[in-house]
Every structure is written in C-alpha cells, then in structure tokens.
Amino acid sequence: MPQDSLRIEDQPGTQPGQRILRLDGALVMTTMFEFQATVRADKSQALIIDFTNVPYVDSAGIGALVGAYVTRQNGGRSLALVGVSERIHNALKVTHVEQFFRFFDSVSAAEEATAA
C-alpha cells in the first residue's frame, strides 16, 4: 500500500486577517502532524481550509480537525471548511462533530462569510 501523503499550500486570503490552507491528499494518522503544526502556527483571524483535493480522512484526521476548531474557538478566531466531499462530511456526521464546522462550496464564499 502506498504511503499516504498530504501537501499543504498556505496562502493569504483576499481580505486582511484571512489565511487559506489548500490540502492535497488524505488527512490521516501519517499526515496529520504537518497539518497540526501548520494550523497551530497560523495566527490569522479567519482560517479557511480547502478540502477539494482530500479524498478521505481517518479518525486521527478528524481529531486534528476538531483540535484546530477548539484552538481557534478558544482564541476567538474562526475556521471554515471548503469543498468537503460527501464521504468526509459523512465521517464528520458519524463521529458527531459536524456541527462544529462551517461548510462552504467555494473559497470565495468562505472568504466573503469570514471577512472582518
């Protein structure tokens, strides 16, 4: 079985205080550490995570997402998810954590909703 990999492209949003993380690959036990480090290092007011190219997440990946949500909530900062597939959305539903997240169909819709 090939090693899972996750590429993270980190870029500024169109509005001040926004950051966009574009993920490419699976968010799983073997890839979540770089994701966690990137999210923890981010100090933006609004973090938008683009899941368009994420085929699946496992329980460790869901845990990393919940951790990102909690850290940002405690700091009074927002988190938005974009392009979440039905498979990942269902995984968030089954684990009863979907209500923590705001979902958007596009990065531009998330940028508009999180503009300061």
N, C-alpha and C. Protein backbone atom coordinates (compact mmCIF):
# COMPACT_ATOMS: atom_id res chain seq x y z
N MET A 1 0.85 -1.19 0.00
CA MET A 1 0.00 0.00 0.00
C MET A 1 0.89 1.24 0.00
N PRO A 2 0.62 2.19 -0.90
CA PRO A 2 1.47 3.38 -0.96
C PRO A 2 1.32 4.24 0.29
N GLN A 3 2.39 4.93 0.61
CA GLN A 3 2.37 5.84 1.76
C GLN A 3 1.45 7.02 1.46
N ASP A 4 0.54 7.32 2.38
CA ASP A 4 -0.31 8.49 2.19
C ASP A 4 0.54 9.74 2.27
N SER A 5 0.19 10.73 1.47
CA SER A 5 0.90 12.00 1.56
C SER A 5 -0.13 13.13 1.55
N LEU A 6 0.28 14.24 2.11
CA LEU A 6 -0.58 15.42 2.18
C LEU A 6 0.28 16.64 1.87
N ARG A 7 -0.12 17.37 0.83
CA ARG A 7 0.53 18.63 0.51
C ARG A 7 -0.33 19.74 1.07
N ILE A 8 0.31 20.73 1.68
CA ILE A 8 -0.42 21.87 2.23
C ILE A 8 0.10 23.14 1.58
N GLU A 9 -0.77 23.82 0.86
CA GLU A 9 -0.43 25.09 0.25
C GLU A 9 -1.02 26.18 1.15
N ASP A 10 -0.18 27.04 1.65
CA ASP A 10 -0.58 28.08 2.60
C ASP A 10 -0.52 29.43 1.88
N GLN A 11 -1.64 30.13 1.82
CA GLN A 11 -1.65 31.42 1.12
C GLN A 11 -2.57 32.41 1.82
N PRO A 12 -2.33 33.70 1.61
CA PRO A 12 -3.22 34.70 2.22
C PRO A 12 -4.57 34.71 1.52
N GLY A 13 -5.62 35.10 2.27
CA GLY A 13 -6.94 35.27 1.68
C GLY A 13 -7.03 36.63 1.02
N THR A 14 -8.17 36.91 0.44
CA THR A 14 -8.34 38.19 -0.25
C THR A 14 -8.58 39.33 0.74
N GLN A 15 -9.01 39.01 1.95
CA GLN A 15 -9.28 40.03 2.97
C GLN A 15 -8.18 40.00 4.04
N PRO A 16 -7.91 41.13 4.68
CA PRO A 16 -6.93 41.14 5.77
C PRO A 16 -7.36 40.17 6.87
N GLY A 17 -6.39 39.47 7.44
CA GLY A 17 -6.70 38.56 8.55
C GLY A 17 -7.19 37.19 8.11
N GLN A 18 -7.22 36.92 6.80
CA GLN A 18 -7.64 35.61 6.31
C GLN A 18 -6.43 34.81 5.82
N ARG A 19 -6.51 33.51 6.02
CA ARG A 19 -5.46 32.59 5.55
C ARG A 19 -6.18 31.40 4.92
N ILE A 20 -5.63 30.89 3.83
CA ILE A 20 -6.22 29.73 3.17
C ILE A 20 -5.20 28.60 3.15
N LEU A 21 -5.63 27.43 3.62
CA LEU A 21 -4.81 26.23 3.51
C LEU A 21 -5.49 25.32 2.49
N ARG A 22 -4.79 25.05 1.39
CA ARG A 22 -5.32 24.13 0.37
C ARG A 22 -4.64 22.78 0.58
N LEU A 23 -5.44 21.79 0.92
CA LEU A 23 -4.91 20.45 1.19
C LEU A 23 -5.01 19.60 -0.07
N ASP A 24 -4.00 18.77 -0.28
CA ASP A 24 -4.00 17.85 -1.41
C ASP A 24 -3.49 16.51 -0.92
N GLY A 25 -4.41 15.57 -0.69
CA GLY A 25 -4.07 14.25 -0.17
C GLY A 25 -4.93 13.93 1.03
N ALA A 26 -4.71 12.76 1.59
CA ALA A 26 -5.51 12.29 2.72
C ALA A 26 -5.06 12.91 4.04
N LEU A 27 -6.03 13.25 4.89
CA LEU A 27 -5.72 13.74 6.24
C LEU A 27 -5.91 12.54 7.17
N VAL A 28 -4.79 11.86 7.44
CA VAL A 28 -4.82 10.61 8.21
C VAL A 28 -3.68 10.60 9.23
N MET A 29 -3.61 9.54 10.01
CA MET A 29 -2.62 9.43 11.08
C MET A 29 -1.20 9.80 10.62
N THR A 30 -0.80 9.34 9.44
CA THR A 30 0.58 9.58 8.99
C THR A 30 0.80 10.99 8.44
N THR A 31 -0.27 11.73 8.16
CA THR A 31 -0.10 13.07 7.57
C THR A 31 -0.59 14.20 8.47
N MET A 32 -1.21 13.86 9.59
CA MET A 32 -1.87 14.90 10.39
C MET A 32 -0.90 15.80 11.15
N PHE A 33 0.33 15.34 11.37
CA PHE A 33 1.26 16.12 12.19
C PHE A 33 1.66 17.42 11.51
N GLU A 34 1.94 17.37 10.21
CA GLU A 34 2.26 18.60 9.48
C GLU A 34 1.04 19.52 9.46
N PHE A 35 -0.14 18.93 9.28
CA PHE A 35 -1.38 19.72 9.29
C PHE A 35 -1.54 20.43 10.63
N GLN A 36 -1.37 19.69 11.73
CA GLN A 36 -1.50 20.28 13.07
C GLN A 36 -0.48 21.40 13.28
N ALA A 37 0.74 21.17 12.87
CA ALA A 37 1.79 22.19 13.05
C ALA A 37 1.46 23.45 12.25
N THR A 38 0.96 23.27 11.04
CA THR A 38 0.61 24.42 10.19
C THR A 38 -0.54 25.21 10.80
N VAL A 39 -1.56 24.50 11.28
CA VAL A 39 -2.72 25.16 11.89
C VAL A 39 -2.32 25.88 13.17
N ARG A 40 -1.49 25.24 13.99
CA ARG A 40 -1.07 25.86 15.25
C ARG A 40 -0.23 27.10 15.01
N ALA A 41 0.56 27.10 13.94
CA ALA A 41 1.43 28.24 13.64
C ALA A 41 0.64 29.42 13.05
N ASP A 42 -0.55 29.14 12.55
CA ASP A 42 -1.35 30.19 11.90
C ASP A 42 -1.96 31.11 12.95
N LYS A 43 -1.78 32.41 12.75
CA LYS A 43 -2.30 33.39 13.69
C LYS A 43 -3.40 34.26 13.08
N SER A 44 -3.89 33.86 11.91
CA SER A 44 -4.92 34.66 11.23
C SER A 44 -6.23 34.67 12.01
N GLN A 45 -7.04 35.66 11.74
CA GLN A 45 -8.36 35.76 12.38
C GLN A 45 -9.32 34.72 11.80
N ALA A 46 -9.21 34.48 10.49
CA ALA A 46 -10.10 33.54 9.81
C ALA A 46 -9.26 32.56 9.00
N LEU A 47 -9.37 31.27 9.34
CA LEU A 47 -8.65 30.23 8.62
C LEU A 47 -9.64 29.46 7.76
N ILE A 48 -9.34 29.38 6.47
CA ILE A 48 -10.18 28.65 5.52
C ILE A 48 -9.38 27.45 5.04
N ILE A 49 -9.95 26.26 5.25
CA ILE A 49 -9.26 25.04 4.83
C ILE A 49 -10.01 24.44 3.64
N ASP A 50 -9.29 24.34 2.52
CA ASP A 50 -9.88 23.83 1.27
C ASP A 50 -9.64 22.32 1.19
N PHE A 51 -10.75 21.56 1.26
CA PHE A 51 -10.70 20.10 1.23
C PHE A 51 -11.01 19.53 -0.15
N THR A 52 -11.04 20.38 -1.17
CA THR A 52 -11.43 19.93 -2.51
C THR A 52 -10.63 18.71 -2.99
N ASN A 53 -9.34 18.66 -2.68
CA ASN A 53 -8.48 17.56 -3.14
C ASN A 53 -8.12 16.57 -2.04
N VAL A 54 -9.01 16.46 -1.03
CA VAL A 54 -8.79 15.50 0.05
C VAL A 54 -9.76 14.33 -0.16
N PRO A 55 -9.24 13.14 -0.50
CA PRO A 55 -10.13 12.02 -0.78
C PRO A 55 -10.78 11.42 0.47
N TYR A 56 -10.07 11.44 1.59
CA TYR A 56 -10.64 10.88 2.82
C TYR A 56 -9.87 11.34 4.05
N VAL A 57 -10.53 11.19 5.20
CA VAL A 57 -9.90 11.43 6.50
C VAL A 57 -10.16 10.20 7.36
N ASP A 58 -9.25 9.93 8.27
CA ASP A 58 -9.50 8.86 9.23
C ASP A 58 -9.77 9.50 10.60
N SER A 59 -9.90 8.68 11.63
CA SER A 59 -10.25 9.22 12.94
C SER A 59 -9.18 10.18 13.46
N ALA A 60 -7.92 9.92 13.15
CA ALA A 60 -6.85 10.84 13.57
C ALA A 60 -6.99 12.18 12.87
N GLY A 61 -7.34 12.15 11.59
CA GLY A 61 -7.55 13.37 10.84
C GLY A 61 -8.73 14.17 11.38
N ILE A 62 -9.80 13.46 11.74
CA ILE A 62 -10.97 14.12 12.35
C ILE A 62 -10.57 14.73 13.69
N GLY A 63 -9.77 14.00 14.45
CA GLY A 63 -9.29 14.54 15.72
C GLY A 63 -8.45 15.80 15.53
N ALA A 64 -7.63 15.82 14.49
CA ALA A 64 -6.81 17.00 14.20
C ALA A 64 -7.70 18.18 13.81
N LEU A 65 -8.77 17.90 13.07
CA LEU A 65 -9.71 18.96 12.69
C LEU A 65 -10.43 19.53 13.90
N VAL A 66 -10.88 18.64 14.77
CA VAL A 66 -11.57 19.09 15.99
C VAL A 66 -10.60 19.90 16.85
N GLY A 67 -9.36 19.46 16.94
CA GLY A 67 -8.35 20.21 17.68
C GLY A 67 -8.15 21.60 17.11
N ALA A 68 -8.13 21.71 15.78
CA ALA A 68 -8.00 23.01 15.13
C ALA A 68 -9.19 23.89 15.47
N TYR A 69 -10.38 23.31 15.45
CA TYR A 69 -11.59 24.06 15.78
C TYR A 69 -11.52 24.59 17.21
N VAL A 70 -11.17 23.74 18.16
CA VAL A 70 -11.13 24.12 19.57
C VAL A 70 -10.10 25.23 19.80
N THR A 71 -8.91 25.07 19.24
CA THR A 71 -7.85 26.07 19.39
C THR A 71 -8.31 27.42 18.85
N ARG A 72 -8.93 27.42 17.69
CA ARG A 72 -9.37 28.67 17.08
C ARG A 72 -10.54 29.28 17.85
N GLN A 73 -11.47 28.46 18.32
CA GLN A 73 -12.60 28.97 19.11
C GLN A 73 -12.11 29.61 20.40
N ASN A 74 -11.19 28.94 21.08
CA ASN A 74 -10.66 29.47 22.34
C ASN A 74 -9.93 30.79 22.13
N GLY A 75 -9.38 30.99 20.92
CA GLY A 75 -8.68 32.24 20.62
C GLY A 75 -9.58 33.28 19.98
N GLY A 76 -10.90 32.99 19.89
CA GLY A 76 -11.83 33.94 19.29
C GLY A 76 -11.64 34.08 17.78
N ARG A 77 -11.12 33.03 17.15
CA ARG A 77 -10.86 33.06 15.71
C ARG A 77 -11.74 32.03 15.01
N SER A 78 -11.96 32.24 13.72
CA SER A 78 -12.88 31.36 13.01
C SER A 78 -12.17 30.34 12.13
N LEU A 79 -12.93 29.29 11.79
CA LEU A 79 -12.46 28.20 10.94
C LEU A 79 -13.57 27.87 9.97
N ALA A 80 -13.24 27.78 8.69
CA ALA A 80 -14.23 27.44 7.66
C ALA A 80 -13.67 26.32 6.80
N LEU A 81 -14.54 25.37 6.42
CA LEU A 81 -14.13 24.26 5.56
C LEU A 81 -14.78 24.42 4.19
N VAL A 82 -14.00 24.19 3.15
CA VAL A 82 -14.46 24.35 1.78
C VAL A 82 -14.28 23.04 1.02
N GLY A 83 -15.25 22.73 0.15
CA GLY A 83 -15.10 21.59 -0.75
C GLY A 83 -15.05 20.24 -0.08
N VAL A 84 -15.76 20.09 1.03
CA VAL A 84 -15.75 18.82 1.77
C VAL A 84 -16.61 17.81 1.00
N SER A 85 -16.02 16.67 0.67
CA SER A 85 -16.75 15.64 -0.08
C SER A 85 -17.83 15.01 0.79
N GLU A 86 -18.75 14.33 0.13
CA GLU A 86 -19.82 13.64 0.86
C GLU A 86 -19.24 12.59 1.80
N ARG A 87 -18.19 11.91 1.35
CA ARG A 87 -17.54 10.88 2.17
C ARG A 87 -17.00 11.47 3.48
N ILE A 88 -16.31 12.60 3.38
CA ILE A 88 -15.75 13.24 4.58
C ILE A 88 -16.86 13.83 5.43
N HIS A 89 -17.85 14.45 4.78
CA HIS A 89 -18.98 15.02 5.52
C HIS A 89 -19.67 13.92 6.33
N ASN A 90 -19.86 12.76 5.72
CA ASN A 90 -20.49 11.64 6.43
C ASN A 90 -19.64 11.16 7.60
N ALA A 91 -18.32 11.16 7.42
CA ALA A 91 -17.43 10.77 8.53
C ALA A 91 -17.56 11.75 9.69
N LEU A 92 -17.71 13.03 9.39
CA LEU A 92 -17.89 14.04 10.44
C LEU A 92 -19.25 13.87 11.12
N LYS A 93 -20.26 13.48 10.33
CA LYS A 93 -21.60 13.24 10.89
C LYS A 93 -21.60 12.05 11.83
N VAL A 94 -21.02 10.94 11.38
CA VAL A 94 -21.00 9.70 12.15
C VAL A 94 -20.27 9.90 13.48
N THR A 95 -19.26 10.74 13.48
CA THR A 95 -18.49 10.99 14.71
C THR A 95 -19.07 12.13 15.54
N HIS A 96 -20.21 12.66 15.10
CA HIS A 96 -20.95 13.70 15.84
C HIS A 96 -20.14 14.98 16.05
N VAL A 97 -19.32 15.34 15.07
CA VAL A 97 -18.56 16.59 15.19
C VAL A 97 -18.90 17.59 14.08
N GLU A 98 -19.76 17.21 13.16
CA GLU A 98 -20.06 18.07 12.02
C GLU A 98 -20.61 19.43 12.44
N GLN A 99 -21.33 19.49 13.56
CA GLN A 99 -21.95 20.75 13.99
C GLN A 99 -20.93 21.80 14.39
N PHE A 100 -19.68 21.41 14.60
CA PHE A 100 -18.65 22.37 14.98
C PHE A 100 -18.16 23.21 13.80
N PHE A 101 -18.39 22.73 12.60
CA PHE A 101 -17.77 23.34 11.43
C PHE A 101 -18.75 24.11 10.56
N ARG A 102 -18.22 25.14 9.90
CA ARG A 102 -18.97 25.90 8.90
C ARG A 102 -18.47 25.43 7.54
N PHE A 103 -19.40 25.00 6.68
CA PHE A 103 -19.05 24.45 5.37
C PHE A 103 -19.42 25.43 4.26
N PHE A 104 -18.55 25.52 3.26
CA PHE A 104 -18.78 26.39 2.11
C PHE A 104 -18.45 25.63 0.84
N ASP A 105 -19.12 26.02 -0.26
CA ASP A 105 -18.90 25.36 -1.55
C ASP A 105 -17.66 25.88 -2.26
N SER A 106 -17.25 27.10 -1.93
CA SER A 106 -16.09 27.68 -2.62
C SER A 106 -15.27 28.52 -1.64
N VAL A 107 -14.01 28.71 -1.99
CA VAL A 107 -13.12 29.55 -1.18
C VAL A 107 -13.66 30.97 -1.15
N SER A 108 -14.14 31.45 -2.30
CA SER A 108 -14.64 32.83 -2.34
C SER A 108 -15.85 33.02 -1.43
N ALA A 109 -16.74 32.02 -1.35
CA ALA A 109 -17.90 32.10 -0.44
C ALA A 109 -17.42 32.13 1.01
N ALA A 110 -16.41 31.33 1.34
CA ALA A 110 -15.87 31.31 2.70
C ALA A 110 -15.18 32.65 3.02
N GLU A 111 -14.46 33.19 2.05
CA GLU A 111 -13.79 34.48 2.26
C GLU A 111 -14.82 35.57 2.54
N GLU A 112 -15.89 35.57 1.78
CA GLU A 112 -16.94 36.56 1.96
C GLU A 112 -17.57 36.44 3.35
N ALA A 113 -17.84 35.20 3.76
CA ALA A 113 -18.52 34.96 5.05
C ALA A 113 -17.61 35.27 6.23
N THR A 114 -16.30 35.18 6.05
CA THR A 114 -15.38 35.38 7.18
C THR A 114 -14.69 36.74 7.12
N ALA A 115 -15.09 37.60 6.19
CA ALA A 115 -14.46 38.92 6.08
C ALA A 115 -14.68 39.71 7.36
N ALA A 116 -13.64 40.35 7.82
CA ALA A 116 -13.70 41.10 9.09
C ALA A 116 -14.59 42.32 8.98
